[in-house]
Amino acid sequence: SNSEVHSVWKLEKLMERHRAVFVHLADFVASGNRLEILQ
């Protein structure tokens, strides 16, 4: 479902499977850039 508990679990699996993207996104932010996320 899209409950908070289930959504956090899905988020963790999603970020794990696409880890390379989030490695580069973290580096982008840490390099002095700002990140704005819309729903």
All heavy atoms as atom14 arrays in JSON, in Angstrom:
{
  "sequence": "SNSEVHSVWKLEKLMERHRAVFVHLADFVASGNRLEILQ",
  "atom14_mask": [
    [1, 1, 1, 1, 1, 1, 0, 0, 0, 0, 0, 0, 0, 0],
    [1, 1, 1, 1, 1, 1, 1, 1, 0, 0, 0, 0, 0, 0],
    [1, 1, 1, 1, 1, 1, 0, 0, 0, 0, 0, 0, 0, 0],
    [1, 1, 1, 1, 1, 1, 1, 1, 1, 0, 0, 0, 0, 0],
    [1, 1, 1, 1, 1, 1, 1, 0, 0, 0, 0, 0, 0, 0],
    [1, 1, 1, 1, 1, 1, 1, 1, 1, 1, 0, 0, 0, 0],
    [1, 1, 1, 1, 1, 1, 0, 0, 0, 0, 0, 0, 0, 0],
    [1, 1, 1, 1, 1, 1, 1, 0, 0, 0, 0, 0, 0, 0],
    [1, 1, 1, 1, 1, 1, 1, 1, 1, 1, 1, 1, 1, 1],
    [1, 1, 1, 1, 1, 1, 1, 1, 1, 0, 0, 0, 0, 0],
    [1, 1, 1, 1, 1, 1, 1, 1, 0, 0, 0, 0, 0, 0],
    [1, 1, 1, 1, 1, 1, 1, 1, 1, 0, 0, 0, 0, 0],
    [1, 1, 1, 1, 1, 1, 1, 1, 1, 0, 0, 0, 0, 0],
    [1, 1, 1, 1, 1, 1, 1, 1, 0, 0, 0, 0, 0, 0],
    [1, 1, 1, 1, 1, 1, 1, 1, 0, 0, 0, 0, 0, 0],
    [1, 1, 1, 1, 1, 1, 1, 1, 1, 0, 0, 0, 0, 0],
    [1, 1, 1, 1, 1, 1, 1, 1, 1, 1, 1, 0, 0, 0],
    [1, 1, 1, 1, 1, 1, 1, 1, 1, 1, 0, 0, 0, 0],
    [1, 1, 1, 1, 1, 1, 1, 1, 1, 1, 1, 0, 0, 0],
    [1, 1, 1, 1, 1, 0, 0, 0, 0, 0, 0, 0, 0, 0],
    [1, 1, 1, 1, 1, 1, 1, 0, 0, 0, 0, 0, 0, 0],
    [1, 1, 1, 1, 1, 1, 1, 1, 1, 1, 1, 0, 0, 0],
    [1, 1, 1, 1, 1, 1, 1, 0, 0, 0, 0, 0, 0, 0],
    [1, 1, 1, 1, 1, 1, 1, 1, 1, 1, 0, 0, 0, 0],
    [1, 1, 1, 1, 1, 1, 1, 1, 0, 0, 0, 0, 0, 0],
    [1, 1, 1, 1, 1, 0, 0, 0, 0, 0, 0, 0, 0, 0],
    [1, 1, 1, 1, 1, 1, 1, 1, 0, 0, 0, 0, 0, 0],
    [1, 1, 1, 1, 1, 1, 1, 1, 1, 1, 1, 0, 0, 0],
    [1, 1, 1, 1, 1, 1, 1, 0, 0, 0, 0, 0, 0, 0],
    [1, 1, 1, 1, 1, 0, 0, 0, 0, 0, 0, 0, 0, 0],
    [1, 1, 1, 1, 1, 1, 0, 0, 0, 0, 0, 0, 0, 0],
    [1, 1, 1, 1, 0, 0, 0, 0, 0, 0, 0, 0, 0, 0],
    [1, 1, 1, 1, 1, 1, 1, 1, 0, 0, 0, 0, 0, 0],
    [1, 1, 1, 1, 1, 1, 1, 1, 1, 1, 1, 0, 0, 0],
    [1, 1, 1, 1, 1, 1, 1, 1, 0, 0, 0, 0, 0, 0],
    [1, 1, 1, 1, 1, 1, 1, 1, 1, 0, 0, 0, 0, 0],
    [1, 1, 1, 1, 1, 1, 1, 1, 0, 0, 0, 0, 0, 0],
    [1, 1, 1, 1, 1, 1, 1, 1, 0, 0, 0, 0, 0, 0],
    [1, 1, 1, 1, 1, 1, 1, 1, 1, 0, 0, 0, 0, 0]
  ],
  "atom14_positions": [
    [[0.84, -1.2, 0.0], [0.0, 0.0, 0.0], [0.87, 1.24, 0.0], [2.11, 1.16, 0.0], [-0.9, 0.0, 1.24], [-0.15, 0.34, 2.4], [0.0, 0.0, 0.0], [0.0, 0.0, 0.0], [0.0, 0.0, 0.0], [0.0, 0.0, 0.0], [0.0, 0.0, 0.0], [0.0, 0.0, 0.0], [0.0, 0.0, 0.0], [0.0, 0.0, 0.0]],
    [[0.23, 2.42, 0.03], [0.99, 3.68, 0.1], [0.96, 4.28, 1.5], [1.08, 5.48, 1.66], [0.49, 4.68, -0.93], [-0.99, 5.03, -0.76], [-1.59, 4.8, 0.3], [-1.59, 5.59, -1.8], [0.0, 0.0, 0.0], [0.0, 0.0, 0.0], [0.0, 0.0, 0.0], [0.0, 0.0, 0.0], [0.0, 0.0, 0.0], [0.0, 0.0, 0.0]],
    [[0.83, 3.42, 2.52], [0.95, 3.89, 3.9], [2.37, 4.37, 4.16], [3.29, 4.08, 3.37], [0.6, 2.77, 4.88], [1.59, 1.76, 4.86], [0.0, 0.0, 0.0], [0.0, 0.0, 0.0], [0.0, 0.0, 0.0], [0.0, 0.0, 0.0], [0.0, 0.0, 0.0], [0.0, 0.0, 0.0], [0.0, 0.0, 0.0], [0.0, 0.0, 0.0]],
    [[2.59, 5.07, 5.26], [3.92, 5.61, 5.53], [4.94, 4.49, 5.73], [6.05, 4.55, 5.18], [3.89, 6.52, 6.76], [5.21, 7.22, 7.02], [5.12, 8.3, 8.08], [4.16, 8.3, 8.87], [6.02, 9.17, 8.11], [0.0, 0.0, 0.0], [0.0, 0.0, 0.0], [0.0, 0.0, 0.0], [0.0, 0.0, 0.0], [0.0, 0.0, 0.0]],
    [[4.59, 3.46, 6.49], [5.52, 2.36, 6.74], [5.88, 1.65, 5.44], [7.06, 1.41, 5.15], [4.91, 1.36, 7.75], [5.79, 0.12, 7.85], [4.76, 2.01, 9.11], [0.0, 0.0, 0.0], [0.0, 0.0, 0.0], [0.0, 0.0, 0.0], [0.0, 0.0, 0.0], [0.0, 0.0, 0.0], [0.0, 0.0, 0.0], [0.0, 0.0, 0.0]],
    [[4.88, 1.32, 4.65], [5.14, 0.64, 3.37], [5.93, 1.54, 2.42], [6.79, 1.06, 1.67], [3.83, 0.23, 2.72], [3.17, -0.93, 3.38], [1.91, -1.38, 3.03], [3.59, -1.76, 4.38], [1.59, -2.42, 3.77], [2.59, -2.67, 4.6], [0.0, 0.0, 0.0], [0.0, 0.0, 0.0], [0.0, 0.0, 0.0], [0.0, 0.0, 0.0]],
    [[5.64, 2.83, 2.44], [6.33, 3.75, 1.53], [7.8, 3.88, 1.88], [8.66, 3.97, 0.98], [5.65, 5.12, 1.56], [4.32, 5.05, 1.09], [0.0, 0.0, 0.0], [0.0, 0.0, 0.0], [0.0, 0.0, 0.0], [0.0, 0.0, 0.0], [0.0, 0.0, 0.0], [0.0, 0.0, 0.0], [0.0, 0.0, 0.0], [0.0, 0.0, 0.0]],
    [[8.13, 3.9, 3.18], [9.54, 3.95, 3.58], [10.26, 2.69, 3.14], [11.4, 2.74, 2.65], [9.67, 4.16, 5.1], [11.13, 4.04, 5.54], [9.13, 5.54, 5.51], [0.0, 0.0, 0.0], [0.0, 0.0, 0.0], [0.0, 0.0, 0.0], [0.0, 0.0, 0.0], [0.0, 0.0, 0.0], [0.0, 0.0, 0.0], [0.0, 0.0, 0.0]],
    [[9.61, 1.54, 3.28], [10.24, 0.29, 2.84], [10.51, 0.32, 1.34], [11.59, -0.04, 0.88], [9.33, -0.89, 3.19], [9.98, -2.22, 2.93], [10.75, -2.95, 3.79], [9.94, -2.97, 1.7], [11.18, -4.1, 3.17], [10.71, -4.14, 1.89], [9.33, -2.76, 0.46], [10.88, -5.1, 0.9], [9.5, -3.71, -0.54], [10.26, -4.87, -0.31]],
    [[9.51, 0.76, 0.57], [9.7, 0.83, -0.88], [10.8, 1.83, -1.25], [11.57, 1.59, -2.18], [8.38, 1.21, -1.56], [7.37, 0.07, -1.59], [6.19, 0.36, -2.5], [5.18, 1.25, -1.88], [3.94, 1.36, -2.72], [0.0, 0.0, 0.0], [0.0, 0.0, 0.0], [0.0, 0.0, 0.0], [0.0, 0.0, 0.0], [0.0, 0.0, 0.0]],
    [[10.85, 2.95, -0.52], [11.9, 3.94, -0.79], [13.29, 3.33, -0.61], [14.18, 3.52, -1.44], [11.74, 5.14, 0.15], [12.86, 6.18, 0.06], [12.72, 7.01, -1.2], [12.87, 7.08, 1.29], [0.0, 0.0, 0.0], [0.0, 0.0, 0.0], [0.0, 0.0, 0.0], [0.0, 0.0, 0.0], [0.0, 0.0, 0.0], [0.0, 0.0, 0.0]],
    [[13.47, 2.59, 0.47], [14.79, 2.0, 0.74], [15.17, 1.01, -0.37], [16.32, 0.99, -0.82], [14.79, 1.32, 2.1], [14.69, 2.31, 3.27], [14.75, 1.62, 4.62], [14.58, 0.38, 4.68], [14.96, 2.31, 5.64], [0.0, 0.0, 0.0], [0.0, 0.0, 0.0], [0.0, 0.0, 0.0], [0.0, 0.0, 0.0], [0.0, 0.0, 0.0]],
    [[14.23, 0.2, -0.8], [14.52, -0.75, -1.88], [14.8, -0.03, -3.19], [15.68, -0.41, -3.96], [13.35, -1.72, -2.04], [13.15, -2.63, -0.84], [14.39, -3.45, -0.58], [14.25, -4.31, 0.66], [15.51, -5.05, 0.98], [0.0, 0.0, 0.0], [0.0, 0.0, 0.0], [0.0, 0.0, 0.0], [0.0, 0.0, 0.0], [0.0, 0.0, 0.0]],
    [[14.03, 1.02, -3.44], [14.2, 1.8, -4.66], [15.58, 2.47, -4.7], [16.29, 2.4, -5.71], [13.08, 2.84, -4.72], [12.86, 3.67, -5.96], [11.41, 4.17, -5.98], [13.79, 4.85, -6.03], [0.0, 0.0, 0.0], [0.0, 0.0, 0.0], [0.0, 0.0, 0.0], [0.0, 0.0, 0.0], [0.0, 0.0, 0.0], [0.0, 0.0, 0.0]],
    [[15.97, 3.08, -3.59], [17.27, 3.75, -3.55], [18.42, 2.76, -3.59], [19.51, 3.06, -4.1], [17.36, 4.65, -2.31], [16.35, 5.78, -2.31], [16.5, 6.92, -0.9], [17.88, 7.95, -1.44], [0.0, 0.0, 0.0], [0.0, 0.0, 0.0], [0.0, 0.0, 0.0], [0.0, 0.0, 0.0], [0.0, 0.0, 0.0], [0.0, 0.0, 0.0]],
    [[18.18, 1.57, -3.07], [19.2, 0.52, -3.13], [19.4, 0.03, -4.56], [20.53, -0.14, -5.03], [18.77, -0.64, -2.22], [19.68, -1.85, -2.24], [19.13, -2.97, -1.39], [18.68, -2.71, -0.26], [19.14, -4.13, -1.86], [0.0, 0.0, 0.0], [0.0, 0.0, 0.0], [0.0, 0.0, 0.0], [0.0, 0.0, 0.0], [0.0, 0.0, 0.0]],
    [[18.29, -0.17, -5.28], [18.4, -0.67, -6.65], [18.97, 0.38, -7.59], [19.64, 0.04, -8.57], [17.04, -1.16, -7.13], [17.09, -1.75, -8.53], [15.97, -2.73, -8.8], [16.14, -3.98, -8.07], [15.4, -5.09, -8.31], [14.47, -5.07, -9.25], [15.59, -6.18, -7.62], [0.0, 0.0, 0.0], [0.0, 0.0, 0.0], [0.0, 0.0, 0.0]],
    [[18.7, 1.65, -7.33], [19.22, 2.74, -8.18], [20.34, 3.49, -7.44], [20.45, 4.71, -7.56], [18.1, 3.71, -8.54], [17.06, 3.13, -9.45], [17.25, 3.0, -10.81], [15.83, 2.62, -9.19], [16.16, 2.46, -11.35], [15.29, 2.22, -10.39], [0.0, 0.0, 0.0], [0.0, 0.0, 0.0], [0.0, 0.0, 0.0], [0.0, 0.0, 0.0]],
    [[21.15, 2.78, -6.72], [22.16, 3.4, -5.85], [23.08, 4.34, -6.61], [23.44, 5.41, -6.13], [22.98, 2.32, -5.14], [24.01, 2.91, -4.17], [24.75, 1.83, -3.41], [25.81, 2.43, -2.58], [25.63, 2.95, -1.39], [24.42, 2.98, -0.85], [26.64, 3.47, -0.72], [0.0, 0.0, 0.0], [0.0, 0.0, 0.0], [0.0, 0.0, 0.0]],
    [[23.47, 3.98, -7.82], [24.4, 4.81, -8.59], [23.85, 6.21, -8.79], [24.59, 7.2, -8.71], [24.69, 4.16, -9.94], [0.0, 0.0, 0.0], [0.0, 0.0, 0.0], [0.0, 0.0, 0.0], [0.0, 0.0, 0.0], [0.0, 0.0, 0.0], [0.0, 0.0, 0.0], [0.0, 0.0, 0.0], [0.0, 0.0, 0.0], [0.0, 0.0, 0.0]],
    [[22.54, 6.33, -9.05], [21.93, 7.65, -9.23], [22.06, 8.47, -7.96], [22.43, 9.66, -7.99], [20.45, 7.51, -9.63], [19.76, 8.88, -9.62], [20.32, 6.87, -10.99], [0.0, 0.0, 0.0], [0.0, 0.0, 0.0], [0.0, 0.0, 0.0], [0.0, 0.0, 0.0], [0.0, 0.0, 0.0], [0.0, 0.0, 0.0], [0.0, 0.0, 0.0]],
    [[21.79, 7.86, -6.82], [21.8, 8.62, -5.57], [23.22, 8.91, -5.09], [23.44, 9.89, -4.38], [20.97, 7.87, -4.52], [19.52, 7.78, -4.91], [18.99, 6.61, -5.41], [18.71, 8.91, -4.85], [17.66, 6.54, -5.8], [17.38, 8.85, -5.25], [16.86, 7.66, -5.72], [0.0, 0.0, 0.0], [0.0, 0.0, 0.0], [0.0, 0.0, 0.0]],
    [[24.18, 8.09, -5.49], [25.58, 8.43, -5.22], [25.94, 9.73, -5.93], [26.53, 10.65, -5.35], [26.51, 7.28, -5.68], [27.97, 7.75, -5.73], [26.39, 6.09, -4.74], [0.0, 0.0, 0.0], [0.0, 0.0, 0.0], [0.0, 0.0, 0.0], [0.0, 0.0, 0.0], [0.0, 0.0, 0.0], [0.0, 0.0, 0.0], [0.0, 0.0, 0.0]],
    [[25.58, 9.83, -7.19], [25.89, 11.05, -7.96], [25.05, 12.24, -7.5], [25.52, 13.38, -7.53], [25.68, 10.79, -9.46], [26.77, 10.0, -10.09], [26.9, 8.64, -9.95], [27.82, 10.39, -10.88], [27.96, 8.22, -10.61], [28.53, 9.26, -11.18], [0.0, 0.0, 0.0], [0.0, 0.0, 0.0], [0.0, 0.0, 0.0], [0.0, 0.0, 0.0]],
    [[23.81, 11.98, -7.07], [22.97, 13.07, -6.57], [23.54, 13.62, -5.27], [23.57, 14.84, -5.05], [21.54, 12.57, -6.37], [20.48, 13.63, -6.09], [20.39, 14.64, -7.23], [19.12, 12.97, -5.86], [0.0, 0.0, 0.0], [0.0, 0.0, 0.0], [0.0, 0.0, 0.0], [0.0, 0.0, 0.0], [0.0, 0.0, 0.0], [0.0, 0.0, 0.0]],
    [[24.01, 12.75, -4.39], [24.63, 13.19, -3.14], [25.89, 14.01, -3.43], [26.13, 15.04, -2.79], [24.97, 11.98, -2.28], [0.0, 0.0, 0.0], [0.0, 0.0, 0.0], [0.0, 0.0, 0.0], [0.0, 0.0, 0.0], [0.0, 0.0, 0.0], [0.0, 0.0, 0.0], [0.0, 0.0, 0.0], [0.0, 0.0, 0.0], [0.0, 0.0, 0.0]],
    [[26.68, 13.57, -4.39], [27.89, 14.3, -4.76], [27.54, 15.67, -5.34], [28.22, 16.67, -5.07], [28.69, 13.48, -5.76], [30.05, 14.1, -6.07], [30.7, 14.62, -5.14], [30.45, 14.08, -7.25], [0.0, 0.0, 0.0], [0.0, 0.0, 0.0], [0.0, 0.0, 0.0], [0.0, 0.0, 0.0], [0.0, 0.0, 0.0], [0.0, 0.0, 0.0]],
    [[26.47, 15.73, -6.12], [26.02, 16.98, -6.71], [25.66, 17.99, -5.62], [26.06, 19.16, -5.67], [24.81, 16.7, -7.61], [24.23, 17.92, -8.28], [24.71, 18.34, -9.51], [23.2, 18.64, -7.69], [24.18, 19.46, -10.14], [22.67, 19.75, -8.31], [23.15, 20.17, -9.53], [0.0, 0.0, 0.0], [0.0, 0.0, 0.0], [0.0, 0.0, 0.0]],
    [[24.93, 17.54, -4.61], [24.52, 18.43, -3.51], [25.73, 18.85, -2.69], [25.9, 20.04, -2.37], [23.48, 17.74, -2.61], [23.18, 18.58, -1.38], [22.2, 17.47, -3.39], [0.0, 0.0, 0.0], [0.0, 0.0, 0.0], [0.0, 0.0, 0.0], [0.0, 0.0, 0.0], [0.0, 0.0, 0.0], [0.0, 0.0, 0.0], [0.0, 0.0, 0.0]],
    [[26.6, 17.9, -2.38], [27.77, 18.21, -1.55], [28.77, 19.11, -2.26], [29.63, 19.71, -1.61], [28.45, 16.91, -1.13], [0.0, 0.0, 0.0], [0.0, 0.0, 0.0], [0.0, 0.0, 0.0], [0.0, 0.0, 0.0], [0.0, 0.0, 0.0], [0.0, 0.0, 0.0], [0.0, 0.0, 0.0], [0.0, 0.0, 0.0], [0.0, 0.0, 0.0]],
    [[28.63, 19.25, -3.56], [29.54, 20.11, -4.33], [29.1, 21.57, -4.34], [29.63, 22.38, -5.11], [29.65, 19.6, -5.78], [30.2, 18.29, -5.81], [0.0, 0.0, 0.0], [0.0, 0.0, 0.0], [0.0, 0.0, 0.0], [0.0, 0.0, 0.0], [0.0, 0.0, 0.0], [0.0, 0.0, 0.0], [0.0, 0.0, 0.0], [0.0, 0.0, 0.0]],
    [[28.12, 21.89, -3.49], [27.71, 23.29, -3.35], [26.47, 23.68, -4.11], [26.17, 24.86, -4.26], [0.0, 0.0, 0.0], [0.0, 0.0, 0.0], [0.0, 0.0, 0.0], [0.0, 0.0, 0.0], [0.0, 0.0, 0.0], [0.0, 0.0, 0.0], [0.0, 0.0, 0.0], [0.0, 0.0, 0.0], [0.0, 0.0, 0.0], [0.0, 0.0, 0.0]],
    [[25.72, 22.69, -4.6], [24.49, 22.96, -5.33], [23.27, 22.7, -4.45], [23.34, 21.97, -3.46], [24.43, 22.07, -6.58], [25.62, 22.28, -7.5], [25.84, 23.37, -8.03], [26.41, 21.23, -7.68], [0.0, 0.0, 0.0], [0.0, 0.0, 0.0], [0.0, 0.0, 0.0], [0.0, 0.0, 0.0], [0.0, 0.0, 0.0], [0.0, 0.0, 0.0]],
    [[22.15, 23.28, -4.82], [20.91, 23.13, -4.06], [19.98, 22.18, -4.8], [19.93, 22.16, -6.03], [20.23, 24.49, -3.87], [18.93, 24.45, -3.08], [18.33, 25.83, -2.94], [19.17, 26.68, -2.11], [19.12, 26.71, -0.78], [18.26, 25.93, -0.15], [19.89, 27.51, -0.11], [0.0, 0.0, 0.0], [0.0, 0.0, 0.0], [0.0, 0.0, 0.0]],
    [[19.22, 21.38, -4.02], [18.28, 20.42, -4.58], [16.87, 20.73, -4.1], [16.62, 20.81, -2.89], [18.68, 19.0, -4.16], [17.76, 17.85, -4.61], [17.69, 17.77, -6.12], [18.24, 16.52, -4.01], [0.0, 0.0, 0.0], [0.0, 0.0, 0.0], [0.0, 0.0, 0.0], [0.0, 0.0, 0.0], [0.0, 0.0, 0.0], [0.0, 0.0, 0.0]],
    [[15.94, 20.91, -5.04], [14.54, 21.16, -4.73], [13.73, 20.01, -5.34], [13.87, 19.72, -6.54], [14.05, 22.49, -5.33], [14.97, 23.67, -5.1], [14.76, 24.33, -3.74], [13.94, 23.81, -2.95], [15.41, 25.37, -3.49], [0.0, 0.0, 0.0], [0.0, 0.0, 0.0], [0.0, 0.0, 0.0], [0.0, 0.0, 0.0], [0.0, 0.0, 0.0]],
    [[12.89, 19.36, -4.53], [12.15, 18.18, -4.98], [10.65, 18.45, -4.9], [10.13, 18.75, -3.82], [12.51, 16.94, -4.15], [14.02, 16.65, -4.25], [11.71, 15.73, -4.6], [14.49, 15.52, -3.36], [0.0, 0.0, 0.0], [0.0, 0.0, 0.0], [0.0, 0.0, 0.0], [0.0, 0.0, 0.0], [0.0, 0.0, 0.0], [0.0, 0.0, 0.0]],
    [[9.98, 18.37, -6.04], [8.53, 18.53, -6.11], [7.86, 17.17, -6.12], [8.41, 16.2, -6.64], [8.14, 19.29, -7.38], [8.64, 20.73, -7.53], [8.34, 21.24, -8.94], [7.98, 21.63, -6.51], [0.0, 0.0, 0.0], [0.0, 0.0, 0.0], [0.0, 0.0, 0.0], [0.0, 0.0, 0.0], [0.0, 0.0, 0.0], [0.0, 0.0, 0.0]],
    [[6.65, 17.1, -5.55], [5.88, 15.87, -5.59], [5.14, 15.75, -6.92], [4.6, 16.72, -7.45], [4.84, 15.85, -4.46], [5.41, 15.52, -3.11], [4.36, 15.57, -2.01], [4.7, 15.76, -0.84], [3.1, 15.44, -2.36], [0.0, 0.0, 0.0], [0.0, 0.0, 0.0], [0.0, 0.0, 0.0], [0.0, 0.0, 0.0], [0.0, 0.0, 0.0]]
  ]
}
